[in-house]
Amino acid sequence: MAPALQTTPPQAAAVAFVAGVLAVTVFGVVVAGDSVERAALGSLGYAVGGAIGVYIAYAAPGIDL
């Protein structure tokens, strides 16, 4: 892979966090009928957990992604 396209663990975690917040917020608004504020607050825990998991996966030694 080209060096310019390689992702560092913090970059991957940030992308996972943003994607998690957006996905769970949209789900909460569309499916559950929550307000945007309530859905966004509810999505933070899922997004943080996902970002931590992605960071650990990318930072694991011996794995060349």
PDB file of N, CA and C in Angstrom:
ATOM      1  N   MET A   1       0.848  -1.171   0.000  1.00  0.00           N
ATOM      2  CA  MET A   1       0.000   0.000   0.000  1.00  0.00           C
ATOM      3  C   MET A   1       0.893   1.234   0.000  1.00  0.00           C
ATOM      4  N   ALA A   2       0.455   2.246  -0.684  1.00  0.00           N
ATOM      5  CA  ALA A   2       1.223   3.486  -0.740  1.00  0.00           C
ATOM      6  C   ALA A   2       1.283   4.121   0.644  1.00  0.00           C
ATOM      7  N   PRO A   3       2.441   4.689   1.016  1.00  0.00           N
ATOM      8  CA  PRO A   3       2.566   5.298   2.352  1.00  0.00           C
ATOM      9  C   PRO A   3       1.515   6.377   2.623  1.00  0.00           C
ATOM     10  N   ALA A   4       1.089   7.080   1.594  1.00  0.00           N
ATOM     11  CA  ALA A   4       0.101   8.144   1.797  1.00  0.00           C
ATOM     12  C   ALA A   4      -1.271   7.581   2.154  1.00  0.00           C
ATOM     13  N   LEU A   5      -1.517   6.318   1.816  1.00  0.00           N
ATOM     14  CA  LEU A   5      -2.826   5.723   2.077  1.00  0.00           C
ATOM     15  C   LEU A   5      -2.869   4.909   3.361  1.00  0.00           C
ATOM     16  N   GLN A   6      -1.745   4.744   4.035  1.00  0.00           N
ATOM     17  CA  GLN A   6      -1.720   3.958   5.265  1.00  0.00           C
ATOM     18  C   GLN A   6      -2.357   4.740   6.401  1.00  0.00           C
ATOM     19  N   THR A   7      -3.069   4.020   7.229  1.00  0.00           N
ATOM     20  CA  THR A   7      -3.790   4.626   8.336  1.00  0.00           C
ATOM     21  C   THR A   7      -3.090   4.299   9.644  1.00  0.00           C
ATOM     22  N   THR A   8      -2.946   5.289  10.504  1.00  0.00           N
ATOM     23  CA  THR A   8      -2.376   5.063  11.826  1.00  0.00           C
ATOM     24  C   THR A   8      -3.494   4.681  12.791  1.00  0.00           C
ATOM     25  N   PRO A   9      -3.172   4.049  13.905  1.00  0.00           N
ATOM     26  CA  PRO A   9      -4.213   3.672  14.864  1.00  0.00           C
ATOM     27  C   PRO A   9      -5.096   4.850  15.327  1.00  0.00           C
ATOM     28  N   PRO A  10      -4.522   6.042  15.636  1.00  0.00           N
ATOM     29  CA  PRO A  10      -5.411   7.141  16.037  1.00  0.00           C
ATOM     30  C   PRO A  10      -6.355   7.595  14.912  1.00  0.00           C
ATOM     31  N   GLN A  11      -5.866   7.573  13.671  1.00  0.00           N
ATOM     32  CA  GLN A  11      -6.738   7.961  12.556  1.00  0.00           C
ATOM     33  C   GLN A  11      -7.877   6.952  12.390  1.00  0.00           C
ATOM     34  N   ALA A  12      -7.558   5.674  12.472  1.00  0.00           N
ATOM     35  CA  ALA A  12      -8.580   4.644  12.332  1.00  0.00           C
ATOM     36  C   ALA A  12      -9.601   4.735  13.460  1.00  0.00           C
ATOM     37  N   ALA A  13      -9.140   5.016  14.676  1.00  0.00           N
ATOM     38  CA  ALA A  13     -10.057   5.146  15.809  1.00  0.00           C
ATOM     39  C   ALA A  13     -10.967   6.352  15.639  1.00  0.00           C
ATOM     40  N   ALA A  14     -10.435   7.459  15.122  1.00  0.00           N
ATOM     41  CA  ALA A  14     -11.252   8.657  14.902  1.00  0.00           C
ATOM     42  C   ALA A  14     -12.327   8.398  13.855  1.00  0.00           C
ATOM     43  N   VAL A  15     -11.957   7.717  12.787  1.00  0.00           N
ATOM     44  CA  VAL A  15     -12.935   7.399  11.743  1.00  0.00           C
ATOM     45  C   VAL A  15     -14.008   6.465  12.293  1.00  0.00           C
ATOM     46  N   ALA A  16     -13.612   5.471  13.079  1.00  0.00           N
ATOM     47  CA  ALA A  16     -14.574   4.545  13.668  1.00  0.00           C
ATOM     48  C   ALA A  16     -15.512   5.264  14.628  1.00  0.00           C
ATOM     49  N   PHE A  17     -14.980   6.222  15.389  1.00  0.00           N
ATOM     50  CA  PHE A  17     -15.817   6.974  16.324  1.00  0.00           C
ATOM     51  C   PHE A  17     -16.880   7.778  15.577  1.00  0.00           C
ATOM     52  N   VAL A  18     -16.458   8.508  14.563  1.00  0.00           N
ATOM     53  CA  VAL A  18     -17.400   9.340  13.798  1.00  0.00           C
ATOM     54  C   VAL A  18     -18.436   8.466  13.107  1.00  0.00           C
ATOM     55  N   ALA A  19     -17.994   7.369  12.500  1.00  0.00           N
ATOM     56  CA  ALA A  19     -18.941   6.474  11.824  1.00  0.00           C
ATOM     57  C   ALA A  19     -19.918   5.868  12.822  1.00  0.00           C
ATOM     58  N   GLY A  20     -19.438   5.513  14.010  1.00  0.00           N
ATOM     59  CA  GLY A  20     -20.322   4.954  15.028  1.00  0.00           C
ATOM     60  C   GLY A  20     -21.355   5.942  15.520  1.00  0.00           C
ATOM     61  N   VAL A  21     -20.925   7.172  15.766  1.00  0.00           N
ATOM     62  CA  VAL A  21     -21.873   8.208  16.211  1.00  0.00           C
ATOM     63  C   VAL A  21     -22.948   8.431  15.155  1.00  0.00           C
ATOM     64  N   LEU A  22     -22.528   8.573  13.915  1.00  0.00           N
ATOM     65  CA  LEU A  22     -23.498   8.831  12.848  1.00  0.00           C
ATOM     66  C   LEU A  22     -24.456   7.658  12.661  1.00  0.00           C
ATOM     67  N   ALA A  23     -23.923   6.447  12.622  1.00  0.00           N
ATOM     68  CA  ALA A  23     -24.764   5.280  12.366  1.00  0.00           C
ATOM     69  C   ALA A  23     -25.786   5.065  13.483  1.00  0.00           C
ATOM     70  N   VAL A  24     -25.342   5.118  14.722  1.00  0.00           N
ATOM     71  CA  VAL A  24     -26.261   4.856  15.831  1.00  0.00           C
ATOM     72  C   VAL A  24     -27.245   6.009  16.010  1.00  0.00           C
ATOM     73  N   THR A  25     -26.820   7.232  15.737  1.00  0.00           N
ATOM     74  CA  THR A  25     -27.742   8.370  15.827  1.00  0.00           C
ATOM     75  C   THR A  25     -28.833   8.263  14.775  1.00  0.00           C
ATOM     76  N   VAL A  26     -28.455   7.972  13.556  1.00  0.00           N
ATOM     77  CA  VAL A  26     -29.456   7.822  12.487  1.00  0.00           C
ATOM     78  C   VAL A  26     -30.400   6.676  12.810  1.00  0.00           C
ATOM     79  N   PHE A  27     -29.866   5.568  13.291  1.00  0.00           N
ATOM     80  CA  PHE A  27     -30.719   4.442  13.672  1.00  0.00           C
ATOM     81  C   PHE A  27     -31.699   4.854  14.768  1.00  0.00           C
ATOM     82  N   GLY A  28     -31.203   5.553  15.774  1.00  0.00           N
ATOM     83  CA  GLY A  28     -32.075   5.973  16.874  1.00  0.00           C
ATOM     84  C   GLY A  28     -33.178   6.902  16.429  1.00  0.00           C
ATOM     85  N   VAL A  29     -32.864   7.795  15.507  1.00  0.00           N
ATOM     86  CA  VAL A  29     -33.879   8.748  15.034  1.00  0.00           C
ATOM     87  C   VAL A  29     -34.886   8.065  14.119  1.00  0.00           C
ATOM     88  N   VAL A  30     -34.383   7.287  13.160  1.00  0.00           N
ATOM     89  CA  VAL A  30     -35.268   6.699  12.147  1.00  0.00           C
ATOM     90  C   VAL A  30     -36.058   5.520  12.696  1.00  0.00           C
ATOM     91  N   VAL A  31     -35.401   4.611  13.382  1.00  0.00           N
ATOM     92  CA  VAL A  31     -36.068   3.384  13.824  1.00  0.00           C
ATOM     93  C   VAL A  31     -36.772   3.565  15.170  1.00  0.00           C
ATOM     94  N   ALA A  32     -36.073   4.149  16.139  1.00  0.00           N
ATOM     95  CA  ALA A  32     -36.642   4.259  17.479  1.00  0.00           C
ATOM     96  C   ALA A  32     -37.505   5.509  17.665  1.00  0.00           C
ATOM     97  N   GLY A  33     -37.363   6.483  16.771  1.00  0.00           N
ATOM     98  CA  GLY A  33     -38.158   7.692  16.883  1.00  0.00           C
ATOM     99  C   GLY A  33     -37.680   8.653  17.949  1.00  0.00           C
ATOM    100  N   ASP A  34     -36.432   8.527  18.381  1.00  0.00           N
ATOM    101  CA  ASP A  34     -35.876   9.433  19.382  1.00  0.00           C
ATOM    102  C   ASP A  34     -35.566  10.788  18.759  1.00  0.00           C
ATOM    103  N   SER A  35     -35.425  11.791  19.619  1.00  0.00           N
ATOM    104  CA  SER A  35     -34.960  13.087  19.129  1.00  0.00           C
ATOM    105  C   SER A  35     -33.479  12.960  18.782  1.00  0.00           C
ATOM    106  N   VAL A  36     -32.987  13.867  17.952  1.00  0.00           N
ATOM    107  CA  VAL A  36     -31.587  13.812  17.532  1.00  0.00           C
ATOM    108  C   VAL A  36     -30.665  13.927  18.741  1.00  0.00           C
ATOM    109  N   GLU A  37     -30.991  14.814  19.682  1.00  0.00           N
ATOM    110  CA  GLU A  37     -30.138  14.996  20.852  1.00  0.00           C
ATOM    111  C   GLU A  37     -30.054  13.716  21.685  1.00  0.00           C
ATOM    112  N   ARG A  38     -31.189  13.093  21.916  1.00  0.00           N
ATOM    113  CA  ARG A  38     -31.216  11.868  22.727  1.00  0.00           C
ATOM    114  C   ARG A  38     -30.487  10.735  22.017  1.00  0.00           C
ATOM    115  N   ALA A  39     -30.691  10.623  20.721  1.00  0.00           N
ATOM    116  CA  ALA A  39     -30.020   9.562  19.962  1.00  0.00           C
ATOM    117  C   ALA A  39     -28.514   9.788  19.923  1.00  0.00           C
ATOM    118  N   ALA A  40     -28.090  11.047  19.791  1.00  0.00           N
ATOM    119  CA  ALA A  40     -26.654  11.344  19.742  1.00  0.00           C
ATOM    120  C   ALA A  40     -25.997  11.025  21.081  1.00  0.00           C
ATOM    121  N   LEU A  41     -26.656  11.365  22.173  1.00  0.00           N
ATOM    122  CA  LEU A  41     -26.101  11.041  23.490  1.00  0.00           C
ATOM    123  C   LEU A  41     -26.026   9.537  23.700  1.00  0.00           C
ATOM    124  N   GLY A  42     -27.032   8.831  23.244  1.00  0.00           N
ATOM    125  CA  GLY A  42     -27.040   7.383  23.380  1.00  0.00           C
ATOM    126  C   GLY A  42     -25.987   6.698  22.537  1.00  0.00           C
ATOM    127  N   SER A  43     -25.590   7.334  21.452  1.00  0.00           N
ATOM    128  CA  SER A  43     -24.624   6.711  20.550  1.00  0.00           C
ATOM    129  C   SER A  43     -23.184   6.850  21.031  1.00  0.00           C
ATOM    130  N   LEU A  44     -22.920   7.739  21.969  1.00  0.00           N
ATOM    131  CA  LEU A  44     -21.539   8.000  22.374  1.00  0.00           C
ATOM    132  C   LEU A  44     -20.853   6.770  22.973  1.00  0.00           C
ATOM    133  N   GLY A  45     -21.552   6.018  23.790  1.00  0.00           N
ATOM    134  CA  GLY A  45     -20.956   4.832  24.388  1.00  0.00           C
ATOM    135  C   GLY A  45     -20.589   3.794  23.346  1.00  0.00           C
ATOM    136  N   TYR A  46     -21.495   3.569  22.393  1.00  0.00           N
ATOM    137  CA  TYR A  46     -21.192   2.620  21.326  1.00  0.00           C
ATOM    138  C   TYR A  46     -20.005   3.097  20.491  1.00  0.00           C
ATOM    139  N   ALA A  47     -19.975   4.379  20.199  1.00  0.00           N
ATOM    140  CA  ALA A  47     -18.899   4.918  19.368  1.00  0.00           C
ATOM    141  C   ALA A  47     -17.549   4.846  20.080  1.00  0.00           C
ATOM    142  N   VAL A  48     -17.522   5.142  21.364  1.00  0.00           N
ATOM    143  CA  VAL A  48     -16.264   5.061  22.117  1.00  0.00           C
ATOM    144  C   VAL A  48     -15.775   3.614  22.174  1.00  0.00           C
ATOM    145  N   GLY A  49     -16.671   2.693  22.435  1.00  0.00           N
ATOM    146  CA  GLY A  49     -16.286   1.288  22.476  1.00  0.00           C
ATOM    147  C   GLY A  49     -15.755   0.789  21.142  1.00  0.00           C
ATOM    148  N   GLY A  50     -16.413   1.191  20.067  1.00  0.00           N
ATOM    149  CA  GLY A  50     -15.944   0.800  18.742  1.00  0.00           C
ATOM    150  C   GLY A  50     -14.594   1.394  18.413  1.00  0.00           C
ATOM    151  N   ALA A  51     -14.397   2.655  18.772  1.00  0.00           N
ATOM    152  CA  ALA A  51     -13.117   3.318  18.497  1.00  0.00           C
ATOM    153  C   ALA A  51     -11.983   2.670  19.284  1.00  0.00           C
ATOM    154  N   ILE A  52     -12.246   2.291  20.528  1.00  0.00           N
ATOM    155  CA  ILE A  52     -11.218   1.614  21.323  1.00  0.00           C
ATOM    156  C   ILE A  52     -10.865   0.270  20.692  1.00  0.00           C
ATOM    157  N   GLY A  53     -11.857  -0.462  20.252  1.00  0.00           N
ATOM    158  CA  GLY A  53     -11.607  -1.745  19.606  1.00  0.00           C
ATOM    159  C   GLY A  53     -10.798  -1.614  18.331  1.00  0.00           C
ATOM    160  N   VAL A  54     -11.122  -0.619  17.518  1.00  0.00           N
ATOM    161  CA  VAL A  54     -10.376  -0.395  16.280  1.00  0.00           C
ATOM    162  C   VAL A  54      -8.953   0.021  16.599  1.00  0.00           C
ATOM    163  N   TYR A  55      -8.767   0.877  17.578  1.00  0.00           N
ATOM    164  CA  TYR A  55      -7.415   1.302  17.958  1.00  0.00           C
ATOM    165  C   TYR A  55      -6.573   0.107  18.390  1.00  0.00           C
ATOM    166  N   ILE A  56      -7.134  -0.745  19.215  1.00  0.00           N
ATOM    167  CA  ILE A  56      -6.404  -1.921  19.681  1.00  0.00           C
ATOM    168  C   ILE A  56      -6.071  -2.840  18.508  1.00  0.00           C
ATOM    169  N   ALA A  57      -7.016  -3.027  17.605  1.00  0.00           N
ATOM    170  CA  ALA A  57      -6.768  -3.902  16.461  1.00  0.00           C
ATOM    171  C   ALA A  57      -5.655  -3.358  15.575  1.00  0.00           C
ATOM    172  N   TYR A  58      -5.640  -2.065  15.348  1.00  0.00           N
ATOM    173  CA  TYR A  58      -4.610  -1.467  14.501  1.00  0.00           C
ATOM    174  C   TYR A  58      -3.263  -1.396  15.202  1.00  0.00           C
ATOM    175  N   ALA A  59      -3.253  -1.259  16.498  1.00  0.00           N
ATOM    176  CA  ALA A  59      -2.000  -1.094  17.236  1.00  0.00           C
ATOM    177  C   ALA A  59      -1.384  -2.418  17.675  1.00  0.00           C
ATOM    178  N   ALA A  60      -2.083  -3.520  17.444  1.00  0.00           N
ATOM    179  CA  ALA A  60      -1.582  -4.816  17.892  1.00  0.00           C
ATOM    180  C   ALA A  60      -0.253  -5.142  17.213  1.00  0.00           C
ATOM    181  N   PRO A  61       0.714  -5.590  17.968  1.00  0.00           N
ATOM    182  CA  PRO A  61       2.011  -5.915  17.367  1.00  0.00           C
ATOM    183  C   PRO A  61       1.922  -7.173  16.501  1.00  0.00           C
ATOM    184  N   GLY A  62       2.682  -7.171  15.429  1.00  0.00           N
ATOM    185  CA  GLY A  62       2.744  -8.341  14.574  1.00  0.00           C
ATOM    186  C   GLY A  62       1.653  -8.452  13.544  1.00  0.00           C
ATOM    187  N   ILE A  63       0.772  -7.480  13.479  1.00  0.00           N
ATOM    188  CA  ILE A  63      -0.307  -7.503  12.494  1.00  0.00           C
ATOM    189  C   ILE A  63      -0.048  -6.390  11.493  1.00  0.00           C
ATOM    190  N   ASP A  64       0.077  -6.759  10.249  1.00  0.00           N
ATOM    191  CA  ASP A  64       0.329  -5.770   9.201  1.00  0.00           C
ATOM    192  C   ASP A  64      -0.957  -5.575   8.408  1.00  0.00           C
ATOM    193  N   LEU A  65      -1.696  -4.534   8.717  1.00  0.00           N
ATOM    194  CA  LEU A  65      -2.955  -4.271   8.029  1.00  0.00           C
ATOM    195  C   LEU A  65      -2.752  -3.400   6.821  1.00  0.00           C
TER     196      LEU A  65
END
